[in-house]
Amino acid sequence: IQVDVIIVGAGLSGISAAYHLNKHCPEKTYLILEARDSLGGTWDFFRYPGVRSDSDMYTLGYSFEPWTGGKMFSDGPSIREYISRTSDKYDITKNILFGRKVQRASWSSTDARWTIEAESQDSKKPAYYSCNFIFSCSGYYDYEQAYQPAFESSNDFEGKFFHSQFWPKGLDYKDKEVVVIGSGATAVTIVPAMAESTKHITMLQRSPTYILPAPDTDIVARYLGPFLPEKVLHAINRWKYIVLVTWVLKISKWRPEFVKKALRRAARQTLGSHYDVDTHFKPNYQPWDQRLCADPDGLFYQAIADGEASVVTDHIDKFISTGIKLKSGETLNADIIVSATGLKLVALGGIDISVDQTPFTTGESFSYKGMMFSGLPNFVQCFGYAQAGSYTLKVDLTCQYACRLINLMDNKRYDYCVPENEDPNMEVEDMLSVLSSGYVTRAVHLFPKVGKRAPWKRNENYFLDLLETRFSPVEEDGLVFYRASEASAGS
């Protein structure tokens, strides 16, 4: 099958890419190859209790399709339904091929074409596709593996033990003792979602994380929503949260001690002055060195205050038949132990890529504007923000830029373009160095390097990216354009 553009992945990013292609490049043919049998990506895959957004829905949602779900931090099924509804509304679903896991992608400069090999669920033989341009929208989570520390004694535990990424269908945890290992966004989500049903639930953490209680209903939507058109309300709130998150991030960098105290003060308001906030909620890193965990309506803290949940800060000595023995000597009894110990990241969906029969190694390349890779022709990846806001904000800018790029190549009859770094002395750093989270530091070698200056710098700033992607010229230093006939003659 030959088309102009292949989009890999039918999650939030993939549907956004298709919308922008339909709008800005209507003459282009495209297909979306989705490895799973349904769309939604992350929001269809993760099934643990309470799974929800950790960013406000006005910025996590699409710029072109107002979020009307009510809650600011929406649950996974509602987000999945929103993605599906958007796909149907804009006539995108017909272009999705489900059960097509992309394994390999090979570029030929002579033909100016990508050849894609995909594993097909309905056939023992691989399916092949050809295109001029690849839009990688597969995210960066490894769906097949999660990060699981080696708990050598875990087999001694006689209850149920599993990683949150692979939640057992139909798990009965009513009136059970549950221990959740971890302190990140997943653990902070699971604990209040399960607290009312369990006998007791305990979050066991080695070290604390920053948690930000936030209202789950937007004040503008509540009071002005009935009087404003949906698109106007969506635009107001989208820009409000873009500015708010940018400002919170800046304040966290400029005045970290002020932010630390404010977050602990917020915890004490619910937990009370008697609670040992400094032991359980005073991390040893600066705010936003790791993402803040949102706590919608303060339900996490409220579950602790009500006695339904508790937090233990300690290290695991070993698993025992009835639970976990800690280094302090304390024992946590459990019927169920959930390992919420982190995700495993994968670059470019784990696709085996080659350029003119030479293997391409992502970790050896440079990131161009946070969306392309040096040495990789006609390839754009949607890679959202790590710090500067919701994932989809950067995705939206990336999609618009990609369409500008495709249209410019058509207008000037270019067949392909390649980011090329010609400065061997450029100062470099890791693409994900803005975060110190364990799941990030374990994977930095898999991702491209970034420079200290544009266009090789990763901004983590929506306003700078807006200028670079929407308003700056597409033909800039660092991006080289080719015509296949000229490239062949030159070789």
Protein backbone atom coordinates (compact mmCIF):
# COMPACT_ATOMS: atom_id res chain seq x y z
CA ILE A 1 0.00 0.00 0.00
CA GLN A 2 1.38 3.40 -0.96
CA VAL A 3 0.33 6.69 0.64
CA ASP A 4 1.93 10.08 1.15
CA VAL A 5 2.14 9.96 4.94
CA ILE A 6 2.16 7.15 7.51
CA ILE A 7 1.15 8.07 11.07
CA VAL A 8 2.33 5.57 13.68
CA GLY A 9 -0.07 5.37 16.61
CA ALA A 10 -3.76 6.22 17.12
CA GLY A 11 -3.61 7.92 20.50
CA LEU A 12 -3.98 11.59 21.35
CA SER A 13 -1.03 12.50 19.10
CA GLY A 14 -1.98 10.35 16.14
CA ILE A 15 -5.50 11.75 15.91
CA SER A 16 -4.10 15.28 16.20
CA ALA A 17 -1.65 14.61 13.36
CA ALA A 18 -4.45 13.29 11.15
CA TYR A 19 -6.66 16.30 11.88
CA HIS A 20 -3.91 18.73 10.91
CA LEU A 21 -3.12 16.79 7.74
CA ASN A 22 -6.79 16.87 6.76
CA LYS A 23 -6.95 20.60 7.40
CA HIS A 24 -3.60 21.88 6.12
CA CYS A 25 -2.59 19.20 3.58
CA PRO A 26 -5.95 18.02 2.20
CA GLU A 27 -4.41 16.56 -0.95
CA LYS A 28 -2.20 14.20 0.99
CA THR A 29 -3.19 10.57 1.48
CA TYR A 30 -2.38 8.98 4.82
CA LEU A 31 -2.87 5.92 6.98
CA ILE A 32 -2.61 5.48 10.74
CA LEU A 33 -0.97 2.23 11.80
CA GLU A 34 -2.04 1.25 15.32
CA ALA A 35 -0.46 -1.75 17.04
CA ARG A 36 -3.41 -2.41 19.31
CA ASP A 37 -6.99 -3.30 18.37
CA SER A 38 -8.46 0.01 19.56
CA LEU A 39 -7.55 3.69 19.52
CA GLY A 40 -6.72 5.83 22.52
CA GLY A 41 -3.10 4.89 23.17
CA THR A 42 -2.16 5.44 26.82
CA TRP A 43 -5.77 6.17 27.73
CA ASP A 44 -6.95 2.82 26.45
CA PHE A 45 -3.97 0.78 27.63
CA PHE A 46 -3.68 1.68 31.32
CA ARG A 47 -6.50 0.19 33.39
CA TYR A 48 -5.52 0.68 37.04
CA PRO A 49 -8.14 2.21 39.39
CA GLY A 50 -8.57 5.95 39.05
CA VAL A 51 -6.34 6.28 35.95
CA ARG A 52 -6.61 9.92 34.95
CA SER A 53 -4.81 12.87 33.45
CA ASP A 54 -2.12 14.57 35.49
CA SER A 55 -2.54 17.76 33.44
CA ASP A 56 -5.59 19.97 33.04
CA MET A 57 -7.86 18.85 30.22
CA TYR A 58 -8.03 22.28 28.61
CA THR A 59 -4.40 21.93 27.53
CA LEU A 60 -4.25 18.12 27.35
CA GLY A 61 -7.29 18.22 25.08
CA TYR A 62 -7.10 19.32 21.46
CA SER A 63 -6.87 22.98 20.51
CA PHE A 64 -9.43 22.36 17.75
CA GLU A 65 -11.95 20.31 19.75
CA PRO A 66 -13.20 21.81 23.04
CA TRP A 67 -13.06 19.60 26.11
CA THR A 68 -16.53 19.46 27.63
CA GLY A 69 -16.10 16.59 30.07
CA GLY A 70 -16.49 18.73 33.17
CA LYS A 71 -13.61 17.52 35.31
CA MET A 72 -10.28 19.27 34.94
CA PHE A 73 -8.34 16.03 35.62
CA SER A 74 -10.38 13.54 33.67
CA ASP A 75 -10.46 9.76 34.05
CA GLY A 76 -8.93 7.54 31.41
CA PRO A 77 -12.18 6.13 29.93
CA SER A 78 -13.54 9.66 29.41
CA ILE A 79 -10.34 10.73 27.65
CA ARG A 80 -10.45 7.65 25.48
CA GLU A 81 -14.07 8.41 24.54
CA TYR A 82 -13.07 12.03 23.75
CA ILE A 83 -10.31 10.81 21.41
CA SER A 84 -12.68 8.36 19.72
CA ARG A 85 -15.41 10.99 19.33
CA THR A 86 -12.92 13.45 17.83
CA SER A 87 -11.63 10.81 15.41
CA ASP A 88 -15.15 10.07 14.21
CA LYS A 89 -16.18 13.73 14.00
CA TYR A 90 -13.30 14.65 11.71
CA ASP A 91 -13.60 11.53 9.54
CA ILE A 92 -10.27 10.10 10.71
CA THR A 93 -11.27 6.64 11.95
CA LYS A 94 -11.66 5.25 8.42
CA ASN A 95 -7.91 5.76 7.91
CA ILE A 96 -6.85 3.72 10.95
CA LEU A 97 -5.53 0.19 10.45
CA PHE A 98 -5.67 -1.63 13.78
CA GLY A 99 -3.45 -4.55 14.74
CA ARG A 100 -0.50 -3.19 12.77
CA LYS A 101 2.63 -3.02 14.94
CA VAL A 102 5.42 -1.28 13.04
CA GLN A 103 8.62 -3.30 13.32
CA ARG A 104 10.92 -1.79 10.73
CA ALA A 105 11.19 1.36 8.61
CA SER A 106 13.76 1.67 5.80
CA TRP A 107 14.50 4.88 3.92
CA SER A 108 15.76 5.06 0.33
CA SER A 109 17.19 8.43 -0.76
CA THR A 110 17.13 7.30 -4.39
CA ASP A 111 13.38 6.75 -4.27
CA ALA A 112 12.67 9.32 -1.55
CA ARG A 113 10.45 6.69 0.08
CA TRP A 114 10.03 4.89 3.35
CA THR A 115 9.25 1.18 3.30
CA ILE A 116 7.48 0.11 6.48
CA GLU A 117 7.11 -3.44 7.74
CA ALA A 118 4.34 -4.04 10.24
CA GLU A 119 3.36 -7.11 12.18
CA SER A 120 -0.25 -7.94 11.38
CA GLN A 121 -2.58 -9.46 13.97
CA ASP A 122 -4.80 -11.03 11.32
CA SER A 123 -2.03 -12.59 9.27
CA LYS A 124 1.12 -14.61 9.87
CA LYS A 125 2.84 -12.57 7.18
CA PRO A 126 4.02 -8.98 7.77
CA ALA A 127 2.24 -6.14 6.02
CA TYR A 128 4.23 -3.62 3.97
CA TYR A 129 3.54 0.06 3.37
CA SER A 130 5.31 2.76 1.40
CA CYS A 131 5.24 6.50 2.05
CA ASN A 132 7.25 9.68 1.61
CA PHE A 133 6.82 10.96 5.16
CA ILE A 134 6.54 9.33 8.60
CA PHE A 135 4.75 10.92 11.52
CA SER A 136 5.71 9.03 14.69
CA CYS A 137 2.94 9.40 17.28
CA SER A 138 3.58 6.29 19.33
CA GLY A 139 4.57 8.07 22.53
CA TYR A 140 7.48 6.90 24.62
CA TYR A 141 6.02 4.28 26.98
CA ASP A 142 6.97 0.66 26.50
CA TYR A 143 3.62 -1.16 26.63
CA GLU A 144 5.23 -4.60 26.79
CA GLN A 145 7.54 -3.97 29.74
CA ALA A 146 7.45 -1.82 32.86
CA TYR A 147 10.21 -0.96 35.30
CA GLN A 148 10.19 -3.61 37.98
CA PRO A 149 12.98 -3.72 40.59
CA ALA A 150 14.33 -7.16 41.35
CA PHE A 151 12.46 -8.12 44.52
CA GLU A 152 14.17 -11.47 44.97
CA SER A 153 11.88 -12.56 47.79
CA SER A 154 8.63 -11.61 46.06
CA ASN A 155 7.75 -15.28 45.52
CA ASP A 156 7.54 -15.69 49.28
CA PHE A 157 4.46 -13.47 49.35
CA GLU A 158 1.29 -15.58 49.34
CA GLY A 159 -1.08 -12.84 48.16
CA LYS A 160 -1.37 -11.17 44.78
CA PHE A 161 1.63 -9.16 43.51
CA PHE A 162 1.75 -7.35 40.16
CA HIS A 163 2.86 -4.16 38.44
CA SER A 164 0.26 -1.42 38.01
CA GLN A 165 0.87 -1.36 34.25
CA PHE A 166 -0.56 -4.87 33.98
CA TRP A 167 -3.60 -4.58 36.23
CA PRO A 168 -5.52 -7.89 36.51
CA LYS A 169 -8.97 -7.67 34.98
CA GLY A 170 -11.74 -7.92 37.57
CA LEU A 171 -9.40 -7.74 40.58
CA ASP A 172 -11.42 -7.82 43.81
CA TYR A 173 -9.83 -5.58 46.42
CA LYS A 174 -12.88 -4.91 48.56
CA ASP A 175 -12.02 -5.11 52.28
CA LYS A 176 -8.46 -6.18 51.44
CA GLU A 177 -5.19 -4.89 52.89
CA VAL A 178 -3.30 -3.27 50.00
CA VAL A 179 0.26 -1.95 49.76
CA VAL A 180 1.25 0.24 46.81
CA ILE A 181 5.01 0.48 46.27
CA GLY A 182 6.01 3.83 44.80
CA SER A 183 5.42 7.55 45.21
CA GLY A 184 4.91 8.85 41.68
CA ALA A 185 1.79 9.93 39.83
CA THR A 186 0.50 6.35 39.45
CA ALA A 187 0.67 5.63 43.17
CA VAL A 188 -0.84 9.01 44.05
CA THR A 189 -3.70 8.20 41.68
CA ILE A 190 -4.32 4.61 42.82
CA VAL A 191 -4.38 5.24 46.58
CA PRO A 192 -7.44 7.56 46.79
CA ALA A 193 -9.25 5.62 44.05
CA MET A 194 -9.05 2.38 46.05
CA ALA A 195 -9.19 3.79 49.59
CA GLU A 196 -12.96 3.66 50.11
CA SER A 197 -13.19 -0.01 49.10
CA THR A 198 -10.14 -1.51 50.75
CA LYS A 199 -9.80 -2.42 54.40
CA HIS A 200 -6.75 -0.18 54.35
CA ILE A 201 -4.28 0.93 51.70
CA THR A 202 -0.68 1.96 52.32
CA MET A 203 1.66 3.82 49.98
CA LEU A 204 5.19 2.58 50.65
CA GLN A 205 7.82 5.00 49.38
CA ARG A 206 11.59 5.13 49.61
CA SER A 207 11.53 8.91 49.31
CA PRO A 208 8.80 11.56 49.10
CA THR A 209 7.49 13.37 46.06
CA TYR A 210 5.86 16.78 45.62
CA ILE A 211 2.07 16.64 45.52
CA LEU A 212 -0.07 19.58 44.46
CA PRO A 213 -3.74 19.63 45.58
CA ALA A 214 -5.83 21.28 42.89
CA PRO A 215 -9.56 21.81 42.34
CA ASP A 216 -11.05 19.30 39.91
CA THR A 217 -13.60 21.81 38.62
CA ASP A 218 -12.53 24.96 36.83
CA ILE A 219 -13.97 28.15 38.31
CA VAL A 220 -14.36 29.86 34.92
CA ALA A 221 -16.21 26.83 33.51
CA ARG A 222 -18.45 26.65 36.57
CA TYR A 223 -19.60 30.26 36.60
CA LEU A 224 -19.20 31.43 32.99
CA GLY A 225 -19.61 28.13 31.16
CA PRO A 226 -23.43 28.36 30.88
CA PHE A 227 -23.13 31.77 29.21
CA LEU A 228 -20.16 31.28 26.86
CA PRO A 229 -19.90 29.34 23.59
CA GLU A 230 -17.87 26.13 24.02
CA LYS A 231 -15.03 27.32 21.79
CA VAL A 232 -14.71 30.64 23.61
CA LEU A 233 -14.67 28.96 27.02
CA HIS A 234 -12.13 26.40 25.77
CA ALA A 235 -9.83 29.12 24.38
CA ILE A 236 -10.00 31.19 27.58
CA ASN A 237 -9.18 28.25 29.81
CA ARG A 238 -6.53 26.87 27.49
CA TRP A 239 -4.57 30.11 27.55
CA LYS A 240 -5.20 30.54 31.25
CA TYR A 241 -3.58 27.21 32.06
CA ILE A 242 -0.75 27.69 29.59
CA VAL A 243 0.18 30.92 31.38
CA LEU A 244 -0.45 29.46 34.85
CA VAL A 245 1.73 26.37 34.37
CA THR A 246 4.49 28.45 32.75
CA TRP A 247 4.40 30.84 35.70
CA VAL A 248 4.40 28.04 38.32
CA LEU A 249 7.40 26.47 36.59
CA LYS A 250 9.27 29.79 36.57
CA ILE A 251 8.48 30.47 40.22
CA SER A 252 9.66 26.95 41.09
CA LYS A 253 13.01 27.71 39.46
CA TRP A 254 13.37 31.25 40.82
CA ARG A 255 12.01 30.70 44.33
CA PRO A 256 12.17 26.97 45.09
CA GLU A 257 12.06 27.42 48.88
CA PHE A 258 8.85 29.43 48.59
CA VAL A 259 7.23 26.69 46.50
CA LYS A 260 8.43 23.93 48.85
CA LYS A 261 6.87 25.65 51.84
CA ALA A 262 3.64 26.33 49.96
CA LEU A 263 3.28 22.65 49.02
CA ARG A 264 3.93 21.44 52.57
CA ARG A 265 1.52 24.05 53.90
CA ALA A 266 -1.14 22.69 51.52
CA ALA A 267 -0.53 19.19 52.92
CA ARG A 268 -0.86 20.37 56.53
CA GLN A 269 -4.18 22.08 55.79
CA THR A 270 -5.76 18.66 55.26
CA LEU A 271 -3.53 16.39 57.33
CA GLY A 272 -3.33 18.61 60.39
CA SER A 273 -0.41 20.04 62.32
CA HIS A 274 0.17 16.74 64.14
CA TYR A 275 1.02 14.86 60.93
CA ASP A 276 4.72 14.38 60.11
CA VAL A 277 4.64 16.18 56.77
CA ASP A 278 8.41 16.71 56.69
CA THR A 279 9.07 12.96 56.78
CA HIS A 280 6.56 11.91 54.15
CA PHE A 281 6.16 14.97 51.90
CA LYS A 282 9.49 16.81 51.90
CA PRO A 283 11.49 15.53 48.91
CA ASN A 284 15.26 15.92 48.65
CA TYR A 285 15.06 17.48 45.17
CA GLN A 286 13.84 20.82 43.91
CA PRO A 287 10.26 21.34 42.69
CA TRP A 288 9.93 20.40 39.01
CA ASP A 289 13.19 18.47 38.93
CA GLN A 290 10.48 15.83 38.70
CA ARG A 291 6.92 16.51 37.62
CA LEU A 292 4.55 17.63 40.36
CA CYS A 293 1.89 15.03 41.10
CA ALA A 294 -1.59 16.52 40.87
CA ASP A 295 -4.06 15.65 43.63
CA PRO A 296 -7.55 16.54 42.32
CA ASP A 297 -9.68 18.07 45.09
CA GLY A 298 -7.04 16.96 47.59
CA LEU A 299 -8.52 13.45 47.72
CA PHE A 300 -5.14 11.79 48.29
CA TYR A 301 -4.50 13.83 51.43
CA GLN A 302 -8.13 13.45 52.49
CA ALA A 303 -7.92 9.65 52.33
CA ILE A 304 -4.97 9.81 54.73
CA ALA A 305 -6.74 12.26 57.05
CA ASP A 306 -9.81 9.97 57.12
CA GLY A 307 -7.69 7.00 58.13
CA GLU A 308 -8.48 5.03 54.97
CA ALA A 309 -4.91 5.32 53.67
CA SER A 310 -1.46 5.86 55.06
CA VAL A 311 2.05 6.65 53.84
CA VAL A 312 5.16 4.81 55.04
CA THR A 313 8.61 6.12 54.15
CA ASP A 314 11.08 3.27 54.44
CA HIS A 315 13.04 0.68 52.46
CA ILE A 316 12.01 -2.89 51.72
CA ASP A 317 14.04 -5.55 53.50
CA LYS A 318 12.18 -8.49 52.00
CA PHE A 319 8.81 -9.90 51.07
CA ILE A 320 7.30 -12.34 53.53
CA SER A 321 4.28 -14.61 53.23
CA THR A 322 1.94 -12.01 54.77
CA GLY A 323 3.35 -8.82 53.26
CA ILE A 324 6.55 -6.80 53.40
CA LYS A 325 9.20 -6.52 56.08
CA LEU A 326 10.89 -3.11 56.14
CA LYS A 327 14.47 -2.16 56.95
CA SER A 328 13.18 -0.43 60.09
CA GLY A 329 11.86 -3.77 61.33
CA GLU A 330 8.22 -2.86 60.79
CA THR A 331 5.97 -5.25 58.88
CA LEU A 332 3.26 -4.19 56.43
CA ASN A 333 0.58 -6.84 56.17
CA ALA A 334 -1.04 -7.19 52.77
CA ASP A 335 -3.43 -9.27 50.73
CA ILE A 336 -2.44 -7.39 47.56
CA ILE A 337 0.86 -5.66 46.71
CA VAL A 338 0.92 -3.30 43.74
CA SER A 339 4.26 -2.31 42.29
CA ALA A 340 3.87 1.25 40.97
CA THR A 341 7.62 1.54 40.54
CA GLY A 342 7.74 3.30 37.22
CA LEU A 343 7.53 3.00 33.49
CA LYS A 344 10.02 1.91 30.91
CA LEU A 345 10.67 4.36 28.10
CA VAL A 346 11.32 3.44 24.49
CA ALA A 347 12.49 5.67 21.64
CA LEU A 348 10.45 5.89 18.43
CA GLY A 349 8.16 3.10 19.51
CA GLY A 350 11.05 0.63 19.37
CA ILE A 351 11.04 0.66 15.56
CA ASP A 352 14.16 -0.70 13.84
CA ILE A 353 15.10 2.15 11.48
CA SER A 354 17.64 2.27 8.66
CA VAL A 355 18.64 5.02 6.23
CA ASP A 356 20.02 3.87 2.90
CA GLN A 357 20.69 0.44 4.45
CA THR A 358 22.61 1.95 7.39
CA PRO A 359 21.07 1.37 10.84
CA PHE A 360 19.91 4.55 12.54
CA THR A 361 20.70 4.91 16.26
CA THR A 362 18.48 7.49 17.93
CA GLY A 363 20.84 8.05 20.87
CA GLU A 364 23.62 9.14 18.51
CA SER A 365 21.51 11.78 16.76
CA PHE A 366 20.59 15.35 17.66
CA SER A 367 17.06 16.57 18.24
CA TYR A 368 15.99 19.29 15.81
CA LYS A 369 13.39 21.64 17.37
CA GLY A 370 12.35 18.78 19.63
CA MET A 371 10.58 17.04 16.75
CA MET A 372 13.07 15.80 14.14
CA PHE A 373 16.39 13.95 14.25
CA SER A 374 19.71 14.65 12.58
CA GLY A 375 20.36 12.17 9.80
CA LEU A 376 16.75 11.00 9.59
CA PRO A 377 14.91 12.13 6.42
CA ASN A 378 11.22 13.07 6.27
CA PHE A 379 10.54 11.95 9.81
CA VAL A 380 8.73 13.92 12.51
CA GLN A 381 8.04 12.69 16.02
CA CYS A 382 5.39 14.01 18.38
CA PHE A 383 7.21 14.29 21.70
CA GLY A 384 5.32 16.30 24.27
CA TYR A 385 6.55 18.41 27.14
CA ALA A 386 8.27 16.85 30.12
CA GLN A 387 7.95 19.96 32.28
CA ALA A 388 6.46 22.94 30.54
CA GLY A 389 2.84 21.83 30.39
CA SER A 390 0.66 19.05 29.11
CA TYR A 391 1.98 16.60 26.55
CA THR A 392 -0.48 17.70 23.88
CA LEU A 393 0.57 21.35 23.84
CA LYS A 394 3.84 20.48 22.11
CA VAL A 395 2.11 17.87 19.96
CA ASP A 396 -0.23 20.53 18.56
CA LEU A 397 2.71 22.76 17.60
CA THR A 398 4.59 19.80 16.12
CA CYS A 399 1.63 18.84 13.92
CA GLN A 400 1.24 22.37 12.60
CA TYR A 401 4.95 22.64 11.87
CA ALA A 402 5.00 19.28 10.07
CA CYS A 403 2.20 20.44 7.78
CA ARG A 404 4.05 23.68 7.02
CA LEU A 405 7.12 21.60 6.19
CA ILE A 406 5.23 19.21 3.89
CA ASN A 407 3.57 22.09 2.04
CA LEU A 408 6.86 23.95 1.58
CA MET A 409 8.49 20.84 0.09
CA ASP A 410 5.57 20.46 -2.30
CA ASN A 411 5.67 24.11 -3.34
CA LYS A 412 9.41 24.04 -3.99
CA ARG A 413 9.43 20.50 -5.36
CA TYR A 414 11.73 19.10 -2.70
CA ASP A 415 11.50 15.35 -2.20
CA TYR A 416 12.93 15.17 1.29
CA CYS A 417 14.66 17.06 4.05
CA VAL A 418 17.20 16.05 6.66
CA PRO A 419 18.32 17.90 9.81
CA GLU A 420 22.11 18.08 9.71
CA ASN A 421 24.33 19.32 12.52
CA GLU A 422 27.50 20.78 11.02
CA ASP A 423 28.98 22.08 14.28
CA PRO A 424 31.24 19.37 15.76
CA ASN A 425 31.99 21.57 18.77
CA MET A 426 28.40 22.27 19.79
CA GLU A 427 27.78 21.94 23.51
CA VAL A 428 25.38 19.08 24.10
CA GLU A 429 23.27 17.60 26.86
CA ASP A 430 20.72 14.84 27.26
CA MET A 431 17.30 15.51 25.77
CA LEU A 432 15.53 14.56 29.01
CA SER A 433 17.99 16.11 31.45
CA VAL A 434 15.33 18.57 32.68
CA LEU A 435 13.87 15.74 34.78
CA SER A 436 15.60 13.61 37.40
CA SER A 437 12.86 10.97 37.68
CA GLY A 438 14.14 7.40 37.76
CA TYR A 439 12.22 6.29 34.68
CA VAL A 440 13.83 9.19 32.78
CA THR A 441 17.43 8.78 33.94
CA ARG A 442 17.31 5.08 33.10
CA ALA A 443 16.48 5.86 29.47
CA VAL A 444 18.40 9.03 28.55
CA HIS A 445 20.87 7.08 26.41
CA LEU A 446 18.01 5.96 24.14
CA PHE A 447 16.99 9.48 23.14
CA PRO A 448 18.74 12.08 20.97
CA LYS A 449 21.10 14.68 22.33
CA VAL A 450 20.22 18.37 22.36
CA GLY A 451 22.39 21.44 21.98
CA LYS A 452 22.64 24.67 23.94
CA ARG A 453 21.30 26.78 21.07
CA ALA A 454 18.49 26.78 18.51
CA PRO A 455 17.44 24.84 16.52
CA TRP A 456 19.08 21.98 18.44
CA LYS A 457 17.87 23.16 21.83
CA ARG A 458 14.81 21.70 23.55
CA ASN A 459 13.00 24.73 24.89
CA GLU A 460 10.48 23.31 27.37
CA ASN A 461 8.70 26.62 26.91
CA TYR A 462 5.41 26.86 25.03
CA PHE A 463 5.84 30.49 23.99
CA LEU A 464 9.32 29.96 22.53
CA ASP A 465 8.13 26.85 20.71
CA LEU A 466 5.13 28.76 19.39
CA LEU A 467 7.45 31.32 17.81
CA GLU A 468 9.80 28.65 16.43
CA THR A 469 7.18 26.36 14.93
CA ARG A 470 4.33 28.63 13.90
CA PHE A 471 6.01 31.88 12.89
CA SER A 472 9.68 31.28 12.06
CA PRO A 473 10.69 30.29 8.50
CA VAL A 474 10.69 26.56 7.77
CA GLU A 475 13.88 26.87 5.70
CA GLU A 476 16.44 27.49 8.42
CA ASP A 477 20.02 26.54 9.14
CA GLY A 478 20.26 22.93 10.16
CA LEU A 479 17.53 21.64 7.84
CA VAL A 480 18.77 20.59 4.39
CA PHE A 481 16.41 19.97 1.48
CA TYR A 482 16.97 17.57 -1.41
CA ARG A 483 15.50 16.54 -4.72
CA ALA A 484 15.86 12.84 -5.30
CA SER A 485 17.13 13.25 -8.86
CA GLU A 486 19.81 15.74 -7.75
CA ALA A 487 20.85 13.57 -4.81
CA SER A 488 21.20 10.54 -7.11
CA ALA A 489 23.24 12.52 -9.61
CA GLY A 490 25.50 13.83 -6.85
CA SER A 491 26.17 10.36 -5.56
